[in-house]
Amino acid sequence: MKKPAKKPWQVAFLLYFLLLFLIVITANGGNLPYNFLGKIPNYDIYGHFILYGIASFLSHLALGGKKIIIDQIFIPLGPFLFTVVTIAEEISQIYLPHRTFSIVDLNASLIGIILFYYLAELWIFYHKKRLR
């Protein structure tokens, strides 16, 4: 049996992670295009949901759907690691002058991570032959 074709997903996740890193650095410096973004109602909430959700989807597929077992609970490794990074990044905003911690943003991020994880599971289910 062949190993899953993870390489394209790994490349996609790496590139996407670099994009997210660039967005975080830009936001931490207060250099996001707020004039443009401000025209979109609740842009921050939608951004967290979509951006972090896509990262969850890509990380899950990049790791081939790998899960870890903690106390007899199966936890998807990619989304779990990204959740830890997400929580740390949102908490770090407390200490940054151009950022503001928001529980709403954190919740939008976590909901995106969970929903897009399930979408990745559906992707794996419907594309099993291609991934093997």
N, C-alpha and C. Protein backbone atom coordinates (compact mmCIF):
# COMPACT_ATOMS: atom_id res chain seq x y z
N MET A 1 0.84 -1.18 0.00
CA MET A 1 0.00 0.00 0.00
C MET A 1 0.89 1.25 0.00
N LYS A 2 0.55 2.21 -0.83
CA LYS A 2 1.32 3.44 -0.92
C LYS A 2 1.02 4.35 0.27
N LYS A 3 1.99 5.20 0.57
CA LYS A 3 1.77 6.21 1.60
C LYS A 3 0.88 7.31 1.03
N PRO A 4 0.15 8.03 1.89
CA PRO A 4 -0.69 9.13 1.41
C PRO A 4 0.15 10.20 0.70
N ALA A 5 -0.45 10.80 -0.31
CA ALA A 5 0.22 11.86 -1.08
C ALA A 5 0.10 13.17 -0.30
N LYS A 6 0.99 13.34 0.68
CA LYS A 6 0.92 14.51 1.55
C LYS A 6 1.74 15.67 1.04
N LYS A 7 2.70 15.43 0.17
CA LYS A 7 3.66 16.46 -0.23
C LYS A 7 2.99 17.74 -0.73
N PRO A 8 2.02 17.67 -1.66
CA PRO A 8 1.39 18.92 -2.11
C PRO A 8 0.70 19.67 -0.97
N TRP A 9 0.10 18.93 -0.04
CA TRP A 9 -0.56 19.57 1.10
C TRP A 9 0.47 20.19 2.04
N GLN A 10 1.62 19.54 2.17
CA GLN A 10 2.68 20.09 3.02
C GLN A 10 3.21 21.40 2.45
N VAL A 11 3.40 21.43 1.14
CA VAL A 11 3.87 22.66 0.48
C VAL A 11 2.81 23.76 0.63
N ALA A 12 1.55 23.40 0.39
CA ALA A 12 0.46 24.38 0.52
C ALA A 12 0.39 24.93 1.94
N PHE A 13 0.52 24.04 2.94
CA PHE A 13 0.47 24.50 4.33
C PHE A 13 1.65 25.40 4.65
N LEU A 14 2.84 25.04 4.22
CA LEU A 14 4.02 25.86 4.49
C LEU A 14 3.86 27.25 3.90
N LEU A 15 3.42 27.34 2.66
CA LEU A 15 3.22 28.64 2.02
C LEU A 15 2.13 29.44 2.74
N TYR A 16 1.05 28.77 3.10
CA TYR A 16 -0.04 29.44 3.80
C TYR A 16 0.40 29.90 5.19
N PHE A 17 1.18 29.07 5.88
CA PHE A 17 1.68 29.45 7.20
C PHE A 17 2.58 30.69 7.10
N LEU A 18 3.40 30.75 6.06
CA LEU A 18 4.24 31.94 5.85
C LEU A 18 3.38 33.17 5.59
N LEU A 19 2.29 33.02 4.84
CA LEU A 19 1.37 34.13 4.61
C LEU A 19 0.74 34.59 5.92
N LEU A 20 0.28 33.65 6.74
CA LEU A 20 -0.30 34.01 8.04
C LEU A 20 0.73 34.70 8.93
N PHE A 21 1.95 34.20 8.91
CA PHE A 21 3.01 34.81 9.70
C PHE A 21 3.23 36.26 9.26
N LEU A 22 3.23 36.50 7.97
CA LEU A 22 3.37 37.86 7.44
C LEU A 22 2.21 38.75 7.88
N ILE A 23 1.00 38.22 7.86
CA ILE A 23 -0.17 38.98 8.30
C ILE A 23 -0.05 39.33 9.78
N VAL A 24 0.37 38.37 10.60
CA VAL A 24 0.52 38.62 12.05
C VAL A 24 1.58 39.68 12.30
N ILE A 25 2.72 39.58 11.63
CA ILE A 25 3.79 40.57 11.80
C ILE A 25 3.30 41.95 11.37
N THR A 26 2.59 42.02 10.26
CA THR A 26 2.05 43.29 9.77
C THR A 26 1.05 43.87 10.77
N ALA A 27 0.17 43.03 11.29
CA ALA A 27 -0.82 43.48 12.27
C ALA A 27 -0.15 43.92 13.57
N ASN A 28 0.86 43.18 14.02
CA ASN A 28 1.55 43.55 15.25
C ASN A 28 2.23 44.90 15.13
N GLY A 29 2.64 45.27 13.93
CA GLY A 29 3.24 46.57 13.70
C GLY A 29 2.23 47.67 13.43
N GLY A 30 0.95 47.32 13.42
CA GLY A 30 -0.10 48.30 13.17
C GLY A 30 -0.15 48.74 11.72
N ASN A 31 0.28 47.88 10.81
CA ASN A 31 0.39 48.26 9.40
C ASN A 31 -0.61 47.58 8.48
N LEU A 32 -1.68 47.03 9.01
CA LEU A 32 -2.71 46.45 8.14
C LEU A 32 -3.44 47.58 7.42
N PRO A 33 -3.99 47.32 6.24
CA PRO A 33 -4.71 48.36 5.50
C PRO A 33 -6.10 48.61 6.09
N TYR A 34 -6.14 49.29 7.24
CA TYR A 34 -7.39 49.49 7.96
C TYR A 34 -8.39 50.33 7.17
N ASN A 35 -7.91 51.23 6.31
CA ASN A 35 -8.84 52.03 5.49
C ASN A 35 -9.68 51.12 4.60
N PHE A 36 -9.04 50.11 4.03
CA PHE A 36 -9.76 49.15 3.19
C PHE A 36 -10.58 48.19 4.04
N LEU A 37 -9.95 47.61 5.05
CA LEU A 37 -10.61 46.59 5.87
C LEU A 37 -11.80 47.16 6.63
N GLY A 38 -11.70 48.43 7.04
CA GLY A 38 -12.78 49.06 7.79
C GLY A 38 -14.08 49.15 7.03
N LYS A 39 -14.03 49.03 5.72
CA LYS A 39 -15.24 49.08 4.89
C LYS A 39 -16.02 47.77 4.94
N ILE A 40 -15.40 46.74 5.48
CA ILE A 40 -16.05 45.42 5.59
C ILE A 40 -16.53 45.25 7.03
N PRO A 41 -17.85 45.18 7.24
CA PRO A 41 -18.35 45.02 8.62
C PRO A 41 -17.80 43.74 9.26
N ASN A 42 -17.34 43.86 10.48
CA ASN A 42 -16.82 42.72 11.25
C ASN A 42 -15.72 41.96 10.52
N TYR A 43 -14.89 42.69 9.78
CA TYR A 43 -13.83 42.04 8.99
C TYR A 43 -12.92 41.18 9.87
N ASP A 44 -12.68 41.62 11.09
CA ASP A 44 -11.77 40.91 11.97
C ASP A 44 -12.31 39.52 12.32
N ILE A 45 -13.59 39.45 12.61
CA ILE A 45 -14.20 38.17 12.98
C ILE A 45 -14.18 37.21 11.79
N TYR A 46 -14.59 37.71 10.63
CA TYR A 46 -14.58 36.87 9.43
C TYR A 46 -13.16 36.44 9.08
N GLY A 47 -12.23 37.37 9.23
CA GLY A 47 -10.83 37.06 8.94
C GLY A 47 -10.30 35.94 9.81
N HIS A 48 -10.57 36.03 11.11
CA HIS A 48 -10.13 34.98 12.03
C HIS A 48 -10.74 33.64 11.64
N PHE A 49 -12.04 33.63 11.38
CA PHE A 49 -12.74 32.39 11.04
C PHE A 49 -12.15 31.75 9.78
N ILE A 50 -12.03 32.53 8.72
CA ILE A 50 -11.57 32.00 7.44
C ILE A 50 -10.07 31.67 7.46
N LEU A 51 -9.24 32.61 7.92
CA LEU A 51 -7.79 32.41 7.87
C LEU A 51 -7.35 31.23 8.75
N TYR A 52 -7.88 31.17 9.96
CA TYR A 52 -7.48 30.09 10.86
C TYR A 52 -8.14 28.77 10.46
N GLY A 53 -9.33 28.85 9.88
CA GLY A 53 -9.99 27.65 9.39
C GLY A 53 -9.21 27.00 8.26
N ILE A 54 -8.76 27.81 7.31
CA ILE A 54 -7.97 27.28 6.19
C ILE A 54 -6.68 26.66 6.72
N ALA A 55 -6.07 27.29 7.71
CA ALA A 55 -4.84 26.73 8.29
C ALA A 55 -5.11 25.37 8.93
N SER A 56 -6.25 25.23 9.57
CA SER A 56 -6.62 23.94 10.17
C SER A 56 -6.80 22.88 9.09
N PHE A 57 -7.51 23.23 8.04
CA PHE A 57 -7.74 22.32 6.91
C PHE A 57 -6.42 21.85 6.32
N LEU A 58 -5.55 22.81 6.00
CA LEU A 58 -4.27 22.47 5.37
C LEU A 58 -3.36 21.69 6.30
N SER A 59 -3.32 22.07 7.58
CA SER A 59 -2.43 21.35 8.51
C SER A 59 -2.89 19.91 8.69
N HIS A 60 -4.19 19.69 8.72
CA HIS A 60 -4.70 18.33 8.88
C HIS A 60 -4.34 17.47 7.67
N LEU A 61 -4.49 18.02 6.48
CA LEU A 61 -4.15 17.26 5.28
C LEU A 61 -2.64 17.13 5.11
N ALA A 62 -1.89 18.15 5.51
CA ALA A 62 -0.42 18.09 5.40
C ALA A 62 0.15 16.98 6.28
N LEU A 63 -0.50 16.70 7.39
CA LEU A 63 -0.05 15.63 8.28
C LEU A 63 -0.77 14.32 8.00
N GLY A 64 -1.48 14.26 6.89
CA GLY A 64 -2.14 13.02 6.50
C GLY A 64 -3.27 12.60 7.42
N GLY A 65 -3.90 13.57 8.10
CA GLY A 65 -5.00 13.25 9.00
C GLY A 65 -4.55 12.59 10.29
N LYS A 66 -3.27 12.72 10.62
CA LYS A 66 -2.72 12.07 11.82
C LYS A 66 -3.42 12.57 13.08
N LYS A 67 -3.68 11.60 13.97
CA LYS A 67 -4.30 11.93 15.25
C LYS A 67 -3.43 11.39 16.38
N ILE A 68 -3.49 12.07 17.51
CA ILE A 68 -2.81 11.59 18.71
C ILE A 68 -3.90 11.16 19.70
N ILE A 69 -3.54 10.29 20.61
CA ILE A 69 -4.50 9.82 21.60
C ILE A 69 -4.08 10.35 22.97
N ILE A 70 -4.98 11.09 23.58
CA ILE A 70 -4.75 11.60 24.94
C ILE A 70 -5.94 11.15 25.78
N ASP A 71 -5.66 10.32 26.76
CA ASP A 71 -6.70 9.83 27.66
C ASP A 71 -7.86 9.19 26.89
N GLN A 72 -7.54 8.37 25.92
CA GLN A 72 -8.48 7.63 25.08
C GLN A 72 -9.34 8.55 24.19
N ILE A 73 -8.85 9.76 23.94
CA ILE A 73 -9.54 10.70 23.04
C ILE A 73 -8.64 10.94 21.85
N PHE A 74 -9.18 10.75 20.65
CA PHE A 74 -8.43 11.00 19.43
C PHE A 74 -8.46 12.50 19.12
N ILE A 75 -7.27 13.09 19.01
CA ILE A 75 -7.15 14.52 18.75
C ILE A 75 -6.36 14.71 17.47
N PRO A 76 -6.92 15.45 16.49
CA PRO A 76 -6.20 15.67 15.24
C PRO A 76 -4.96 16.53 15.48
N LEU A 77 -3.79 16.02 15.10
CA LEU A 77 -2.53 16.67 15.44
C LEU A 77 -2.39 18.06 14.83
N GLY A 78 -2.62 18.21 13.53
CA GLY A 78 -2.44 19.51 12.88
C GLY A 78 -3.33 20.59 13.48
N PRO A 79 -4.65 20.38 13.51
CA PRO A 79 -5.52 21.38 14.13
C PRO A 79 -5.21 21.63 15.61
N PHE A 80 -4.80 20.58 16.33
CA PHE A 80 -4.46 20.77 17.75
C PHE A 80 -3.26 21.70 17.90
N LEU A 81 -2.20 21.44 17.13
CA LEU A 81 -1.01 22.30 17.21
C LEU A 81 -1.35 23.73 16.80
N PHE A 82 -2.17 23.86 15.77
CA PHE A 82 -2.53 25.20 15.32
C PHE A 82 -3.42 25.89 16.35
N THR A 83 -4.24 25.15 17.08
CA THR A 83 -5.05 25.73 18.15
C THR A 83 -4.16 26.30 19.25
N VAL A 84 -3.12 25.57 19.62
CA VAL A 84 -2.18 26.04 20.64
C VAL A 84 -1.52 27.35 20.19
N VAL A 85 -1.07 27.38 18.93
CA VAL A 85 -0.44 28.59 18.39
C VAL A 85 -1.45 29.74 18.37
N THR A 86 -2.68 29.46 17.99
CA THR A 86 -3.73 30.48 17.92
C THR A 86 -4.00 31.09 19.28
N ILE A 87 -4.14 30.26 20.29
CA ILE A 87 -4.40 30.76 21.65
C ILE A 87 -3.22 31.60 22.14
N ALA A 88 -2.01 31.12 21.92
CA ALA A 88 -0.82 31.88 22.34
C ALA A 88 -0.73 33.22 21.61
N GLU A 89 -1.03 33.23 20.32
CA GLU A 89 -0.96 34.47 19.54
C GLU A 89 -2.01 35.46 20.01
N GLU A 90 -3.20 35.00 20.28
CA GLU A 90 -4.26 35.92 20.73
C GLU A 90 -3.94 36.47 22.11
N ILE A 91 -3.43 35.64 23.01
CA ILE A 91 -3.06 36.11 24.35
C ILE A 91 -1.90 37.10 24.28
N SER A 92 -0.97 36.88 23.35
CA SER A 92 0.18 37.79 23.23
C SER A 92 -0.25 39.21 22.87
N GLN A 93 -1.45 39.35 22.31
CA GLN A 93 -1.93 40.68 21.92
C GLN A 93 -2.17 41.58 23.13
N ILE A 94 -2.30 40.99 24.30
CA ILE A 94 -2.45 41.79 25.52
C ILE A 94 -1.24 42.70 25.72
N TYR A 95 -0.08 42.24 25.29
CA TYR A 95 1.17 42.94 25.54
C TYR A 95 1.65 43.78 24.37
N LEU A 96 0.91 43.82 23.28
CA LEU A 96 1.34 44.56 22.09
C LEU A 96 0.55 45.86 21.95
N PRO A 97 1.23 46.97 21.70
CA PRO A 97 0.55 48.27 21.67
C PRO A 97 -0.46 48.44 20.53
N HIS A 98 -0.24 47.80 19.39
CA HIS A 98 -1.13 47.97 18.24
C HIS A 98 -2.19 46.88 18.15
N ARG A 99 -2.25 46.01 19.14
CA ARG A 99 -3.19 44.89 19.10
C ARG A 99 -4.07 44.90 20.34
N THR A 100 -5.20 44.23 20.25
CA THR A 100 -6.14 44.13 21.36
C THR A 100 -6.61 42.69 21.48
N PHE A 101 -6.47 42.12 22.67
CA PHE A 101 -6.99 40.78 22.91
C PHE A 101 -8.51 40.82 22.78
N SER A 102 -9.08 39.83 22.12
CA SER A 102 -10.53 39.76 21.97
C SER A 102 -10.98 38.31 22.07
N ILE A 103 -11.85 38.05 23.01
CA ILE A 103 -12.40 36.70 23.16
C ILE A 103 -13.27 36.35 21.95
N VAL A 104 -13.87 37.37 21.34
CA VAL A 104 -14.69 37.13 20.14
C VAL A 104 -13.80 36.66 18.99
N ASP A 105 -12.65 37.32 18.81
CA ASP A 105 -11.70 36.89 17.77
C ASP A 105 -11.21 35.47 18.04
N LEU A 106 -10.89 35.19 19.29
CA LEU A 106 -10.41 33.85 19.65
C LEU A 106 -11.49 32.80 19.36
N ASN A 107 -12.72 33.11 19.72
CA ASN A 107 -13.81 32.17 19.45
C ASN A 107 -14.02 31.96 17.95
N ALA A 108 -13.94 33.04 17.17
CA ALA A 108 -14.07 32.92 15.71
C ALA A 108 -12.96 32.04 15.16
N SER A 109 -11.75 32.22 15.67
CA SER A 109 -10.62 31.39 15.24
C SER A 109 -10.85 29.93 15.57
N LEU A 110 -11.28 29.65 16.80
CA LEU A 110 -11.48 28.27 17.24
C LEU A 110 -12.63 27.60 16.49
N ILE A 111 -13.70 28.34 16.24
CA ILE A 111 -14.81 27.78 15.47
C ILE A 111 -14.35 27.46 14.05
N GLY A 112 -13.56 28.36 13.46
CA GLY A 112 -13.01 28.10 12.13
C GLY A 112 -12.13 26.86 12.12
N ILE A 113 -11.28 26.73 13.13
CA ILE A 113 -10.38 25.57 13.22
C ILE A 113 -11.19 24.28 13.29
N ILE A 114 -12.22 24.26 14.11
CA ILE A 114 -13.04 23.05 14.27
C ILE A 114 -13.83 22.74 13.00
N LEU A 115 -14.50 23.73 12.45
CA LEU A 115 -15.32 23.49 11.26
C LEU A 115 -14.47 23.04 10.07
N PHE A 116 -13.34 23.71 9.85
CA PHE A 116 -12.50 23.35 8.72
C PHE A 116 -11.78 22.01 8.94
N TYR A 117 -11.57 21.62 10.19
CA TYR A 117 -11.06 20.28 10.47
C TYR A 117 -12.07 19.24 9.97
N TYR A 118 -13.34 19.46 10.27
CA TYR A 118 -14.37 18.53 9.79
C TYR A 118 -14.44 18.51 8.27
N LEU A 119 -14.25 19.66 7.65
CA LEU A 119 -14.21 19.69 6.18
C LEU A 119 -13.02 18.89 5.65
N ALA A 120 -11.88 18.97 6.34
CA ALA A 120 -10.71 18.18 5.94
C ALA A 120 -10.99 16.69 6.11
N GLU A 121 -11.69 16.32 7.17
CA GLU A 121 -12.06 14.91 7.36
C GLU A 121 -12.97 14.44 6.23
N LEU A 122 -13.91 15.29 5.82
CA LEU A 122 -14.77 14.95 4.69
C LEU A 122 -13.95 14.80 3.41
N TRP A 123 -12.98 15.70 3.24
CA TRP A 123 -12.10 15.63 2.07
C TRP A 123 -11.37 14.28 2.05
N ILE A 124 -10.81 13.91 3.19
CA ILE A 124 -10.09 12.63 3.28
C ILE A 124 -11.03 11.47 2.98
N PHE A 125 -12.23 11.51 3.55
CA PHE A 125 -13.20 10.43 3.35
C PHE A 125 -13.55 10.27 1.87
N TYR A 126 -13.78 11.36 1.18
CA TYR A 126 -14.21 11.29 -0.22
C TYR A 126 -13.06 11.16 -1.21
N HIS A 127 -11.82 11.32 -0.74
CA HIS A 127 -10.66 11.22 -1.62
C HIS A 127 -9.68 10.16 -1.14
N LYS A 128 -10.15 9.14 -0.48
CA LYS A 128 -9.27 8.11 0.08
C LYS A 128 -8.38 7.48 -0.98
N LYS A 129 -8.92 7.17 -2.12
CA LYS A 129 -8.12 6.51 -3.16
C LYS A 129 -7.00 7.42 -3.65
N ARG A 130 -7.26 8.70 -3.74
CA ARG A 130 -6.24 9.64 -4.20
C ARG A 130 -5.14 9.82 -3.15
N LEU A 131 -5.50 9.73 -1.88
CA LEU A 131 -4.52 9.93 -0.81
C LEU A 131 -3.72 8.66 -0.52
N ARG A 132 -4.08 7.54 -1.11
CA ARG A 132 -3.35 6.29 -0.84
C ARG A 132 -2.54 5.85 -2.01
